[in-house]
C-alpha cells in the first residue's frame, strides 16, 4: 500500500467550529476514498486560530518561526490540501488569506486542492467560485471540480446530511483521485541551488560603481 500526505487547513475561530467540522468530514471522505485506491493517508490538520499571533508577526517581518513554520512546512510538503474557511463579508476570512499570503509564491503550484466554506445561510455559497477558486488558481494549484459549502441548516444533529453529505463524498473522491494518481510531492528546497559566492561578490562590486 502506498502512502500520501494530506494537509487540512481550517480557519474557524471558535471551538467547536462548524468550519473544523466540515474540514474533518472532507478529510474523512478523502481518506476513505484513498484507502479504496490502496493508498494510506497521513493527515495533518492546521488550525489557523492557533497561529494568529505568529501570522501577524510573519506579515510584518517576512519570516515564519515556531509552530507556524512547522505548519507551513506540513502544508507545503503535502500531496493534497483541504482548505476550509468561514465566510466574512462575502469572502474568505482575513486569517485564512493571511496564511496563504505568507507562503512562497510557488509553494502550492501543481498541488491538488479541495476548497470548502461555512456560513450562516446559503446566500454565501458563491464564495467558493468568486473568491476561493480564483485565489488557488492564481497560486497555480489544481482545484477539484466540487467545492463544498455548508450553511448552518445543512448540519443535522452535528452531522452532514442530504445534499451536503453527497457533495462531501464526491469532493473527497475527486481529491483522492488526483492525489493517488500522482507521485509523492517533493517540496521545493530554497537552499537546493544557492547563488554562488563569486556571483554575489560580482553583484556587490557592480552596485558600487
N, C-alpha and C. Protein backbone atom coordinates (compact mmCIF):
# COMPACT_ATOMS: atom_id res chain seq x y z
N UNK A 1 0.84 -1.20 0.00
CA UNK A 1 0.00 0.00 0.00
C UNK A 1 0.88 1.25 0.00
N UNK A 2 0.62 2.14 -0.92
CA UNK A 2 1.37 3.39 -0.98
C UNK A 2 0.86 4.37 0.08
N UNK A 3 1.61 5.44 0.32
CA UNK A 3 1.23 6.45 1.30
C UNK A 3 1.23 7.83 0.66
N UNK A 4 0.33 8.68 1.12
CA UNK A 4 0.28 10.07 0.67
C UNK A 4 -0.03 10.98 1.86
N UNK A 5 0.51 12.18 1.81
CA UNK A 5 0.29 13.16 2.87
C UNK A 5 -0.85 14.09 2.51
N UNK A 6 -1.75 14.27 3.44
CA UNK A 6 -2.91 15.14 3.24
C UNK A 6 -2.89 16.23 4.30
N UNK A 7 -2.88 17.50 3.89
CA UNK A 7 -2.91 18.62 4.83
C UNK A 7 -4.31 19.23 4.84
N UNK A 8 -4.77 19.59 6.03
CA UNK A 8 -6.08 20.20 6.21
C UNK A 8 -5.89 21.54 6.90
N UNK A 9 -6.31 22.62 6.26
CA UNK A 9 -6.21 23.96 6.84
C UNK A 9 -7.61 24.44 7.19
N UNK A 10 -7.83 24.70 8.48
CA UNK A 10 -9.13 25.16 8.96
C UNK A 10 -8.98 26.54 9.59
N UNK A 11 -9.81 27.49 9.13
CA UNK A 11 -9.71 28.87 9.61
C UNK A 11 -10.85 29.22 10.57
N UNK A 12 -11.46 28.23 11.19
CA UNK A 12 -12.52 28.50 12.15
C UNK A 12 -12.00 29.27 13.36
N UNK A 13 -12.82 30.11 13.93
CA UNK A 13 -12.40 30.94 15.05
C UNK A 13 -12.87 30.42 16.40
N UNK A 14 -13.92 29.63 16.40
CA UNK A 14 -14.49 29.16 17.66
C UNK A 14 -14.20 27.68 17.87
N UNK A 15 -14.47 27.23 19.09
CA UNK A 15 -14.30 25.82 19.41
C UNK A 15 -15.47 25.36 20.28
N UNK A 16 -16.32 24.47 19.79
CA UNK A 16 -16.23 23.80 18.48
C UNK A 16 -16.56 24.74 17.34
N UNK A 17 -16.13 24.37 16.15
CA UNK A 17 -16.30 25.21 14.97
C UNK A 17 -16.93 24.42 13.84
N UNK A 18 -17.92 25.00 13.18
CA UNK A 18 -18.52 24.32 12.02
C UNK A 18 -17.51 24.23 10.88
N UNK A 19 -16.57 25.17 10.84
CA UNK A 19 -15.53 25.13 9.82
C UNK A 19 -14.64 23.91 10.02
N UNK A 20 -14.23 23.69 11.26
CA UNK A 20 -13.42 22.49 11.55
C UNK A 20 -14.24 21.22 11.32
N UNK A 21 -15.53 21.29 11.64
CA UNK A 21 -16.39 20.13 11.44
C UNK A 21 -16.43 19.74 9.96
N UNK A 22 -16.58 20.76 9.09
CA UNK A 22 -16.59 20.48 7.66
C UNK A 22 -15.23 19.97 7.20
N UNK A 23 -14.16 20.58 7.70
CA UNK A 23 -12.81 20.15 7.34
C UNK A 23 -12.59 18.69 7.70
N UNK A 24 -13.05 18.29 8.90
CA UNK A 24 -12.88 16.90 9.33
C UNK A 24 -13.68 15.95 8.45
N UNK A 25 -14.90 16.34 8.05
CA UNK A 25 -15.72 15.48 7.20
C UNK A 25 -15.08 15.32 5.82
N UNK A 26 -14.54 16.41 5.29
CA UNK A 26 -13.87 16.34 3.99
C UNK A 26 -12.62 15.47 4.06
N UNK A 27 -11.88 15.60 5.15
CA UNK A 27 -10.68 14.78 5.32
C UNK A 27 -11.04 13.31 5.44
N UNK A 28 -12.10 13.00 6.18
CA UNK A 28 -12.52 11.62 6.34
C UNK A 28 -12.97 11.01 5.01
N UNK A 29 -13.70 11.80 4.22
CA UNK A 29 -14.17 11.30 2.92
C UNK A 29 -13.00 11.07 1.98
N UNK A 30 -12.03 11.98 2.00
CA UNK A 30 -10.85 11.83 1.14
C UNK A 30 -10.02 10.63 1.57
N UNK A 31 -9.84 10.48 2.88
CA UNK A 31 -9.06 9.36 3.40
C UNK A 31 -9.69 8.03 3.02
N UNK A 32 -11.01 7.94 3.14
CA UNK A 32 -11.71 6.71 2.78
C UNK A 32 -11.55 6.41 1.30
N UNK A 33 -11.67 7.44 0.47
CA UNK A 33 -11.52 7.25 -0.97
C UNK A 33 -10.09 6.84 -1.33
N UNK A 34 -9.11 7.36 -0.61
CA UNK A 34 -7.72 6.97 -0.86
C UNK A 34 -7.50 5.51 -0.49
N UNK A 35 -8.05 5.08 0.64
CA UNK A 35 -7.88 3.68 1.05
C UNK A 35 -8.50 2.74 0.04
N UNK A 36 -9.60 3.16 -0.59
CA UNK A 36 -10.22 2.33 -1.61
C UNK A 36 -9.34 2.20 -2.84
N UNK A 37 -8.35 3.11 -2.96
CA UNK A 37 -7.40 3.04 -4.07
C UNK A 37 -6.05 2.52 -3.60
N UNK A 38 -6.07 1.77 -2.48
CA UNK A 38 -4.88 1.14 -1.94
C UNK A 38 -3.80 2.17 -1.58
N UNK A 39 -4.26 3.31 -1.05
CA UNK A 39 -3.35 4.38 -0.64
C UNK A 39 -3.67 4.79 0.79
N UNK A 40 -2.66 4.75 1.65
CA UNK A 40 -2.87 5.08 3.06
C UNK A 40 -2.56 6.57 3.29
N UNK A 41 -3.54 7.35 3.80
CA UNK A 41 -3.31 8.78 4.00
C UNK A 41 -2.67 9.08 5.35
N UNK A 42 -1.80 10.06 5.35
CA UNK A 42 -1.25 10.63 6.58
C UNK A 42 -1.81 12.06 6.68
N UNK A 43 -2.72 12.28 7.61
CA UNK A 43 -3.46 13.53 7.68
C UNK A 43 -2.89 14.45 8.75
N UNK A 44 -2.60 15.70 8.36
CA UNK A 44 -2.14 16.73 9.30
C UNK A 44 -3.10 17.90 9.25
N UNK A 45 -3.62 18.30 10.41
CA UNK A 45 -4.57 19.40 10.49
C UNK A 45 -3.88 20.66 11.03
N UNK A 46 -4.09 21.77 10.35
CA UNK A 46 -3.55 23.06 10.78
C UNK A 46 -4.73 23.96 11.16
N UNK A 47 -4.85 24.26 12.46
CA UNK A 47 -5.87 25.18 12.95
C UNK A 47 -5.28 26.58 12.97
N UNK A 48 -5.74 27.43 12.08
CA UNK A 48 -5.12 28.75 11.93
C UNK A 48 -5.29 29.64 13.14
N UNK A 49 -6.36 29.45 13.91
CA UNK A 49 -6.53 30.31 15.08
C UNK A 49 -5.40 30.11 16.08
N UNK A 50 -4.76 28.94 16.05
CA UNK A 50 -3.63 28.69 16.95
C UNK A 50 -2.38 29.45 16.52
N UNK A 51 -2.39 29.98 15.31
CA UNK A 51 -1.21 30.67 14.78
C UNK A 51 -1.48 32.14 14.46
N UNK A 52 -2.57 32.68 14.97
CA UNK A 52 -2.97 34.04 14.60
C UNK A 52 -1.89 35.07 14.93
N UNK A 53 -1.32 35.00 16.12
CA UNK A 53 -0.29 35.97 16.52
C UNK A 53 0.97 35.82 15.67
N UNK A 54 1.35 34.56 15.42
CA UNK A 54 2.54 34.31 14.60
C UNK A 54 2.33 34.78 13.16
N UNK A 55 1.12 34.65 12.65
CA UNK A 55 0.84 35.12 11.30
C UNK A 55 1.00 36.63 11.21
N UNK A 56 0.51 37.34 12.22
CA UNK A 56 0.65 38.79 12.23
C UNK A 56 2.12 39.20 12.24
N UNK A 57 2.90 38.52 13.05
CA UNK A 57 4.34 38.81 13.12
C UNK A 57 5.03 38.50 11.80
N UNK A 58 4.65 37.39 11.18
CA UNK A 58 5.27 37.00 9.92
C UNK A 58 4.94 37.98 8.81
N UNK A 59 3.72 38.50 8.82
CA UNK A 59 3.34 39.51 7.82
C UNK A 59 4.23 40.74 7.93
N UNK A 60 4.66 41.06 9.15
CA UNK A 60 5.49 42.25 9.38
C UNK A 60 6.96 42.00 9.11
N UNK A 61 7.44 40.82 9.49
CA UNK A 61 8.88 40.53 9.38
C UNK A 61 9.26 39.79 8.11
N UNK A 62 8.32 39.03 7.56
CA UNK A 62 8.62 38.23 6.38
C UNK A 62 9.23 36.88 6.70
N UNK A 63 9.32 36.53 8.00
CA UNK A 63 9.93 35.27 8.41
C UNK A 63 9.01 34.54 9.38
N UNK A 64 8.67 33.29 9.04
CA UNK A 64 7.84 32.47 9.91
C UNK A 64 8.72 31.74 10.91
N UNK A 65 8.27 31.67 12.15
CA UNK A 65 9.02 30.99 13.19
C UNK A 65 8.09 30.07 13.98
N UNK A 66 8.68 29.27 14.86
CA UNK A 66 7.92 28.47 15.80
C UNK A 66 6.96 27.49 15.14
N UNK A 67 5.79 27.37 15.76
CA UNK A 67 4.80 26.40 15.28
C UNK A 67 4.23 26.77 13.92
N UNK A 68 4.22 28.06 13.59
CA UNK A 68 3.74 28.46 12.26
C UNK A 68 4.67 27.94 11.18
N UNK A 69 5.97 28.02 11.42
CA UNK A 69 6.93 27.49 10.44
C UNK A 69 6.70 26.01 10.21
N UNK A 70 6.44 25.26 11.28
CA UNK A 70 6.17 23.83 11.17
C UNK A 70 4.89 23.59 10.37
N UNK A 71 3.86 24.39 10.66
CA UNK A 71 2.58 24.25 9.94
C UNK A 71 2.76 24.51 8.46
N UNK A 72 3.52 25.53 8.11
CA UNK A 72 3.78 25.84 6.70
C UNK A 72 4.50 24.69 6.03
N UNK A 73 5.50 24.13 6.71
CA UNK A 73 6.25 23.00 6.15
C UNK A 73 5.32 21.81 5.90
N UNK A 74 4.40 21.56 6.83
CA UNK A 74 3.46 20.45 6.68
C UNK A 74 2.56 20.64 5.46
N UNK A 75 2.09 21.87 5.26
CA UNK A 75 1.20 22.14 4.13
C UNK A 75 1.95 22.06 2.80
N UNK A 76 3.11 22.64 2.75
CA UNK A 76 3.87 22.69 1.50
C UNK A 76 4.33 21.29 1.08
N UNK A 77 4.58 20.41 2.06
CA UNK A 77 5.07 19.07 1.76
C UNK A 77 3.95 18.07 1.47
N UNK A 78 2.70 18.49 1.61
CA UNK A 78 1.58 17.57 1.43
C UNK A 78 1.37 17.22 -0.05
N UNK A 79 0.75 16.07 -0.26
CA UNK A 79 0.40 15.65 -1.62
C UNK A 79 -0.96 16.19 -2.05
N UNK A 80 -1.75 16.62 -1.06
CA UNK A 80 -3.06 17.20 -1.34
C UNK A 80 -3.47 18.09 -0.19
N UNK A 81 -4.31 19.07 -0.48
CA UNK A 81 -4.69 20.06 0.53
C UNK A 81 -6.20 20.22 0.57
N UNK A 82 -6.75 20.26 1.79
CA UNK A 82 -8.14 20.63 2.03
C UNK A 82 -8.13 21.96 2.75
N UNK A 83 -8.75 22.98 2.19
CA UNK A 83 -8.72 24.33 2.76
C UNK A 83 -10.15 24.81 3.00
N UNK A 84 -10.46 25.13 4.27
CA UNK A 84 -11.82 25.50 4.64
C UNK A 84 -11.81 26.79 5.45
N UNK A 85 -12.70 27.71 5.09
CA UNK A 85 -12.79 29.00 5.77
C UNK A 85 -14.23 29.35 6.10
N UNK A 86 -14.43 30.09 7.19
CA UNK A 86 -15.75 30.70 7.39
C UNK A 86 -15.89 31.89 6.46
N UNK A 87 -17.11 32.29 6.17
CA UNK A 87 -17.34 33.43 5.29
C UNK A 87 -17.45 34.71 6.11
N UNK A 88 -16.67 35.71 5.72
CA UNK A 88 -16.74 37.03 6.32
C UNK A 88 -16.90 38.06 5.21
N UNK A 89 -17.94 38.87 5.28
CA UNK A 89 -18.20 39.91 4.28
C UNK A 89 -18.13 39.34 2.86
N UNK A 90 -18.82 38.24 2.67
CA UNK A 90 -18.95 37.59 1.36
C UNK A 90 -17.63 37.10 0.77
N UNK A 91 -16.63 36.82 1.63
CA UNK A 91 -15.36 36.31 1.14
C UNK A 91 -14.72 35.44 2.22
N UNK A 92 -13.51 34.95 1.95
CA UNK A 92 -12.78 34.18 2.95
C UNK A 92 -12.33 35.10 4.07
N UNK A 93 -12.00 34.53 5.21
CA UNK A 93 -11.61 35.33 6.37
C UNK A 93 -10.20 35.89 6.19
N UNK A 94 -9.91 36.95 6.91
CA UNK A 94 -8.57 37.54 6.86
C UNK A 94 -7.51 36.58 7.36
N UNK A 95 -7.85 35.78 8.36
CA UNK A 95 -6.90 34.80 8.90
C UNK A 95 -6.55 33.77 7.83
N UNK A 96 -7.55 33.31 7.11
CA UNK A 96 -7.35 32.34 6.03
C UNK A 96 -6.44 32.93 4.95
N UNK A 97 -6.74 34.13 4.51
CA UNK A 97 -5.94 34.77 3.46
C UNK A 97 -4.51 35.03 3.92
N UNK A 98 -4.35 35.43 5.18
CA UNK A 98 -3.02 35.73 5.70
C UNK A 98 -2.10 34.51 5.64
N UNK A 99 -2.66 33.33 5.94
CA UNK A 99 -1.82 32.13 5.90
C UNK A 99 -1.28 31.88 4.50
N UNK A 100 -2.14 32.00 3.51
CA UNK A 100 -1.68 31.73 2.15
C UNK A 100 -0.84 32.89 1.60
N UNK A 101 -0.99 34.06 2.17
CA UNK A 101 -0.14 35.18 1.78
C UNK A 101 1.31 35.00 2.20
N UNK A 102 1.55 34.31 3.32
CA UNK A 102 2.92 34.16 3.80
C UNK A 102 3.64 32.97 3.17
N UNK A 103 2.94 32.17 2.38
CA UNK A 103 3.60 31.07 1.69
C UNK A 103 4.41 31.60 0.51
N UNK A 104 5.44 30.86 0.15
CA UNK A 104 6.19 31.19 -1.05
C UNK A 104 5.27 31.15 -2.26
N UNK A 105 5.52 32.01 -3.21
CA UNK A 105 4.61 32.16 -4.36
C UNK A 105 4.43 30.85 -5.13
N UNK A 106 5.43 29.97 -5.12
CA UNK A 106 5.35 28.72 -5.88
C UNK A 106 5.05 27.51 -5.00
N UNK A 107 4.76 27.73 -3.72
CA UNK A 107 4.66 26.63 -2.77
C UNK A 107 3.55 25.64 -3.10
N UNK A 108 2.44 26.12 -3.65
CA UNK A 108 1.31 25.25 -3.91
C UNK A 108 1.11 24.96 -5.40
N UNK A 109 2.08 25.30 -6.20
CA UNK A 109 1.96 25.06 -7.65
C UNK A 109 1.81 23.58 -7.93
N UNK A 110 0.75 23.23 -8.66
CA UNK A 110 0.51 21.85 -9.02
C UNK A 110 -0.12 20.98 -7.95
N UNK A 111 -0.37 21.53 -6.77
CA UNK A 111 -0.94 20.73 -5.68
C UNK A 111 -2.45 20.59 -5.82
N UNK A 112 -2.99 19.37 -5.72
CA UNK A 112 -4.44 19.19 -5.71
C UNK A 112 -5.05 19.81 -4.46
N UNK A 113 -6.11 20.59 -4.65
CA UNK A 113 -6.74 21.30 -3.53
C UNK A 113 -8.26 21.12 -3.56
N UNK A 114 -8.83 20.85 -2.41
CA UNK A 114 -10.27 20.81 -2.23
C UNK A 114 -10.67 22.01 -1.39
N UNK A 115 -11.59 22.84 -1.88
CA UNK A 115 -11.98 24.04 -1.17
C UNK A 115 -13.34 23.87 -0.48
N UNK A 116 -13.47 24.45 0.71
CA UNK A 116 -14.72 24.39 1.43
C UNK A 116 -14.93 25.67 2.22
N UNK A 117 -16.19 25.98 2.53
CA UNK A 117 -16.51 27.19 3.28
C UNK A 117 -17.77 26.95 4.10
N UNK A 118 -17.91 27.72 5.17
CA UNK A 118 -19.09 27.63 6.03
C UNK A 118 -19.66 29.02 6.27
N UNK A 119 -20.98 29.07 6.47
CA UNK A 119 -21.64 30.34 6.73
C UNK A 119 -23.01 30.11 7.34
N UNK A 120 -23.63 31.20 7.76
CA UNK A 120 -24.93 31.09 8.41
C UNK A 120 -26.06 30.73 7.47
N UNK A 121 -25.99 31.23 6.22
CA UNK A 121 -27.06 30.98 5.26
C UNK A 121 -26.48 30.52 3.93
N UNK A 122 -27.38 30.00 3.09
CA UNK A 122 -26.96 29.51 1.77
C UNK A 122 -26.55 30.64 0.83
N UNK A 123 -26.88 31.88 1.17
CA UNK A 123 -26.63 33.01 0.26
C UNK A 123 -25.15 33.23 -0.03
N UNK A 124 -24.27 32.73 0.85
CA UNK A 124 -22.84 32.99 0.67
C UNK A 124 -22.11 31.86 -0.05
N UNK A 125 -22.84 30.90 -0.60
CA UNK A 125 -22.19 29.74 -1.20
C UNK A 125 -21.30 30.09 -2.38
N UNK A 126 -21.57 31.21 -3.04
CA UNK A 126 -20.76 31.58 -4.21
C UNK A 126 -19.34 32.02 -3.85
N UNK A 127 -19.05 32.12 -2.54
CA UNK A 127 -17.69 32.45 -2.13
C UNK A 127 -16.70 31.43 -2.67
N UNK A 128 -17.16 30.20 -2.86
CA UNK A 128 -16.28 29.16 -3.40
C UNK A 128 -15.77 29.50 -4.79
N UNK A 129 -16.67 29.98 -5.64
CA UNK A 129 -16.30 30.25 -7.03
C UNK A 129 -15.80 31.67 -7.26
N UNK A 130 -16.27 32.61 -6.45
CA UNK A 130 -15.91 34.02 -6.66
C UNK A 130 -14.65 34.44 -5.92
N UNK A 131 -14.28 33.71 -4.88
CA UNK A 131 -13.13 34.12 -4.07
C UNK A 131 -12.08 33.00 -3.93
N UNK A 132 -12.51 31.83 -3.46
CA UNK A 132 -11.53 30.79 -3.14
C UNK A 132 -10.91 30.15 -4.39
N UNK A 133 -11.74 29.76 -5.34
CA UNK A 133 -11.19 29.12 -6.54
C UNK A 133 -10.22 30.04 -7.29
N UNK A 134 -10.57 31.33 -7.49
CA UNK A 134 -9.62 32.22 -8.16
C UNK A 134 -8.29 32.35 -7.40
N UNK A 135 -8.35 32.37 -6.06
CA UNK A 135 -7.11 32.51 -5.30
C UNK A 135 -6.19 31.32 -5.52
N UNK A 136 -6.74 30.11 -5.44
CA UNK A 136 -5.89 28.93 -5.62
C UNK A 136 -5.48 28.75 -7.08
N UNK A 137 -6.31 29.21 -7.99
CA UNK A 137 -5.90 29.19 -9.40
C UNK A 137 -4.72 30.12 -9.61
N UNK A 138 -4.74 31.28 -8.96
CA UNK A 138 -3.62 32.22 -9.02
C UNK A 138 -2.34 31.57 -8.48
N UNK A 139 -2.49 30.75 -7.44
CA UNK A 139 -1.34 30.07 -6.85
C UNK A 139 -0.93 28.84 -7.67
N UNK A 140 -1.63 28.61 -8.79
CA UNK A 140 -1.35 27.52 -9.73
C UNK A 140 -1.57 26.14 -9.12
N UNK A 141 -2.52 26.08 -8.18
CA UNK A 141 -2.94 24.79 -7.63
C UNK A 141 -3.94 24.15 -8.59
N UNK A 142 -4.19 22.86 -8.38
CA UNK A 142 -5.18 22.14 -9.18
C UNK A 142 -6.41 21.95 -8.29
N UNK A 143 -7.43 22.78 -8.47
CA UNK A 143 -8.60 22.75 -7.61
C UNK A 143 -9.61 21.75 -8.15
N UNK A 144 -10.08 20.84 -7.28
CA UNK A 144 -11.03 19.82 -7.74
C UNK A 144 -12.35 20.49 -8.14
N UNK A 145 -13.09 19.87 -9.05
CA UNK A 145 -14.32 20.50 -9.55
C UNK A 145 -15.36 20.81 -8.48
N UNK A 146 -15.50 19.94 -7.49
CA UNK A 146 -16.55 20.12 -6.49
C UNK A 146 -16.03 20.85 -5.27
N UNK A 147 -16.55 22.07 -5.04
CA UNK A 147 -16.30 22.77 -3.80
C UNK A 147 -17.48 22.51 -2.87
N UNK A 148 -17.25 22.61 -1.56
CA UNK A 148 -18.30 22.27 -0.60
C UNK A 148 -18.57 23.45 0.32
N UNK A 149 -19.81 23.92 0.29
CA UNK A 149 -20.26 24.98 1.19
C UNK A 149 -21.29 24.41 2.15
N UNK A 150 -21.16 24.74 3.43
CA UNK A 150 -22.10 24.24 4.43
C UNK A 150 -22.69 25.41 5.20
N UNK A 151 -24.01 25.57 5.10
CA UNK A 151 -24.73 26.54 5.92
C UNK A 151 -25.16 25.87 7.22
N UNK A 152 -25.57 26.68 8.18
CA UNK A 152 -25.99 26.14 9.47
C UNK A 152 -27.08 25.09 9.32
N UNK A 153 -28.01 25.33 8.39
CA UNK A 153 -29.13 24.41 8.21
C UNK A 153 -28.73 23.08 7.60
N UNK A 154 -27.51 22.97 7.07
CA UNK A 154 -27.07 21.73 6.44
C UNK A 154 -26.65 20.67 7.46
N UNK A 155 -26.45 21.10 8.70
CA UNK A 155 -25.99 20.15 9.72
C UNK A 155 -27.18 19.65 10.53
N UNK A 156 -27.38 18.36 10.52
CA UNK A 156 -28.45 17.76 11.31
C UNK A 156 -27.84 16.97 12.45
N UNK A 157 -28.11 17.39 13.67
CA UNK A 157 -27.54 16.76 14.88
C UNK A 157 -26.03 16.62 14.77
N UNK A 158 -25.39 17.68 14.19
CA UNK A 158 -23.93 17.68 14.14
C UNK A 158 -23.31 16.87 13.03
N UNK A 159 -24.11 16.35 12.11
CA UNK A 159 -23.57 15.55 11.02
C UNK A 159 -24.01 16.11 9.67
N UNK A 160 -23.21 15.84 8.65
CA UNK A 160 -23.56 16.28 7.31
C UNK A 160 -24.67 15.39 6.76
N UNK A 161 -25.73 16.01 6.29
CA UNK A 161 -26.88 15.24 5.82
C UNK A 161 -27.25 15.62 4.40
N UNK A 162 -28.04 14.76 3.75
CA UNK A 162 -28.62 15.07 2.45
C UNK A 162 -27.61 15.46 1.39
N UNK A 163 -27.90 16.56 0.73
CA UNK A 163 -27.08 17.04 -0.38
C UNK A 163 -25.66 17.33 0.08
N UNK A 164 -25.50 17.91 1.27
CA UNK A 164 -24.16 18.21 1.78
C UNK A 164 -23.33 16.94 1.91
N UNK A 165 -23.92 15.90 2.48
CA UNK A 165 -23.19 14.65 2.61
C UNK A 165 -22.77 14.09 1.27
N UNK A 166 -23.62 14.21 0.28
CA UNK A 166 -23.29 13.73 -1.07
C UNK A 166 -22.14 14.53 -1.67
N UNK A 167 -22.17 15.84 -1.47
CA UNK A 167 -21.11 16.70 -2.03
C UNK A 167 -19.77 16.42 -1.34
N UNK A 168 -19.81 16.17 -0.04
CA UNK A 168 -18.58 15.84 0.68
C UNK A 168 -17.97 14.55 0.13
N UNK A 169 -18.80 13.55 -0.07
CA UNK A 169 -18.32 12.28 -0.61
C UNK A 169 -17.74 12.46 -2.00
N UNK A 170 -18.44 13.21 -2.86
CA UNK A 170 -17.96 13.42 -4.23
C UNK A 170 -16.66 14.22 -4.25
N UNK A 171 -16.59 15.29 -3.45
CA UNK A 171 -15.39 16.11 -3.42
C UNK A 171 -14.19 15.32 -2.90
N UNK A 172 -14.42 14.52 -1.86
CA UNK A 172 -13.34 13.70 -1.32
C UNK A 172 -12.81 12.71 -2.34
N UNK A 173 -13.72 12.13 -3.11
CA UNK A 173 -13.31 11.17 -4.15
C UNK A 173 -12.50 11.87 -5.25
N UNK A 174 -12.90 13.09 -5.60
CA UNK A 174 -12.16 13.84 -6.63
C UNK A 174 -10.75 14.15 -6.16
N UNK A 175 -10.61 14.60 -4.90
CA UNK A 175 -9.28 14.91 -4.40
C UNK A 175 -8.44 13.65 -4.29
N UNK A 176 -9.03 12.59 -3.79
CA UNK A 176 -8.30 11.33 -3.66
C UNK A 176 -7.81 10.82 -5.01
N UNK A 177 -8.65 10.97 -6.04
CA UNK A 177 -8.26 10.52 -7.37
C UNK A 177 -7.02 11.25 -7.88
N UNK A 178 -6.98 12.56 -7.65
CA UNK A 178 -5.82 13.34 -8.08
C UNK A 178 -4.58 12.99 -7.28
N UNK A 179 -4.74 12.87 -5.96
CA UNK A 179 -3.60 12.59 -5.09
C UNK A 179 -3.02 11.21 -5.38
N UNK A 180 -3.87 10.20 -5.49
CA UNK A 180 -3.40 8.83 -5.69
C UNK A 180 -2.75 8.62 -7.05
N UNK A 181 -3.16 9.40 -8.04
CA UNK A 181 -2.65 9.20 -9.39
C UNK A 181 -1.31 9.88 -9.64
N UNK A 182 -0.84 10.65 -8.65
CA UNK A 182 0.41 11.39 -8.82
C UNK A 182 1.50 10.81 -7.94
N UNK A 183 2.73 11.10 -8.32
CA UNK A 183 3.86 10.70 -7.49
C UNK A 183 3.85 11.53 -6.21
N UNK A 184 4.44 11.00 -5.13
CA UNK A 184 4.52 11.79 -3.90
C UNK A 184 5.19 13.14 -4.18
N UNK A 185 4.64 14.17 -3.59
CA UNK A 185 5.11 15.52 -3.84
C UNK A 185 6.44 15.76 -3.14
N UNK A 186 7.33 16.43 -3.81
CA UNK A 186 8.60 16.84 -3.22
C UNK A 186 8.60 18.35 -3.12
N UNK A 187 8.58 18.85 -1.88
CA UNK A 187 8.58 20.29 -1.66
C UNK A 187 9.89 20.89 -2.14
N UNK A 188 9.79 22.04 -2.77
CA UNK A 188 10.99 22.71 -3.27
C UNK A 188 11.87 23.17 -2.11
N UNK A 189 13.16 22.90 -2.21
CA UNK A 189 14.12 23.32 -1.19
C UNK A 189 14.74 24.64 -1.63
N UNK A 190 14.49 25.75 -0.90
CA UNK A 190 15.02 27.04 -1.31
C UNK A 190 16.54 27.11 -1.27
N UNK A 191 17.19 26.12 -0.60
CA UNK A 191 18.64 26.13 -0.50
C UNK A 191 19.29 25.09 -1.41
N UNK A 192 18.46 24.46 -2.26
CA UNK A 192 18.98 23.39 -3.11
C UNK A 192 19.93 23.93 -4.17
N UNK A 193 19.71 25.15 -4.65
CA UNK A 193 20.57 25.74 -5.68
C UNK A 193 20.95 27.15 -5.27
N UNK A 194 21.83 27.27 -4.27
CA UNK A 194 22.20 28.60 -3.78
C UNK A 194 23.00 29.39 -4.81
N UNK A 195 22.90 30.71 -4.74
CA UNK A 195 23.66 31.57 -5.62
C UNK A 195 25.15 31.46 -5.27
N UNK A 196 26.02 31.19 -6.25
CA UNK A 196 27.46 31.07 -5.97
C UNK A 196 28.00 32.34 -5.31
N UNK A 197 28.95 32.15 -4.39
CA UNK A 197 29.51 33.29 -3.65
C UNK A 197 30.18 34.29 -4.60
N UNK A 198 30.83 33.77 -5.65
CA UNK A 198 31.50 34.66 -6.60
C UNK A 198 30.50 35.58 -7.30
N UNK A 199 29.29 35.04 -7.60
CA UNK A 199 28.26 35.85 -8.24
C UNK A 199 27.76 36.94 -7.31
N UNK A 200 27.61 36.60 -6.03
CA UNK A 200 27.17 37.59 -5.06
C UNK A 200 28.19 38.72 -4.95
N UNK A 201 29.50 38.38 -4.94
CA UNK A 201 30.55 39.39 -4.87
C UNK A 201 30.54 40.28 -6.10
N UNK A 202 30.32 39.65 -7.26
CA UNK A 202 30.28 40.43 -8.51
C UNK A 202 29.13 41.42 -8.50
N UNK A 203 27.98 41.01 -7.97
CA UNK A 203 26.84 41.89 -7.91
C UNK A 203 27.08 43.07 -6.96
N UNK A 204 27.78 42.79 -5.87
CA UNK A 204 28.11 43.86 -4.92
C UNK A 204 29.06 44.85 -5.55
N UNK A 205 30.11 44.33 -6.24
CA UNK A 205 31.07 45.20 -6.89
C UNK A 205 30.41 46.07 -7.93
N UNK A 206 29.47 45.49 -8.68
CA UNK A 206 28.78 46.23 -9.73
C UNK A 206 27.93 47.34 -9.16
N UNK A 207 27.29 47.10 -8.02
CA UNK A 207 26.42 48.10 -7.42
C UNK A 207 27.21 49.26 -6.85
N UNK A 208 28.52 49.04 -6.57
CA UNK A 208 29.35 50.12 -6.01
C UNK A 208 29.86 51.08 -7.08
N UNK A 209 29.75 50.67 -8.35
CA UNK A 209 30.29 51.51 -9.42
C UNK A 209 29.30 52.59 -9.83
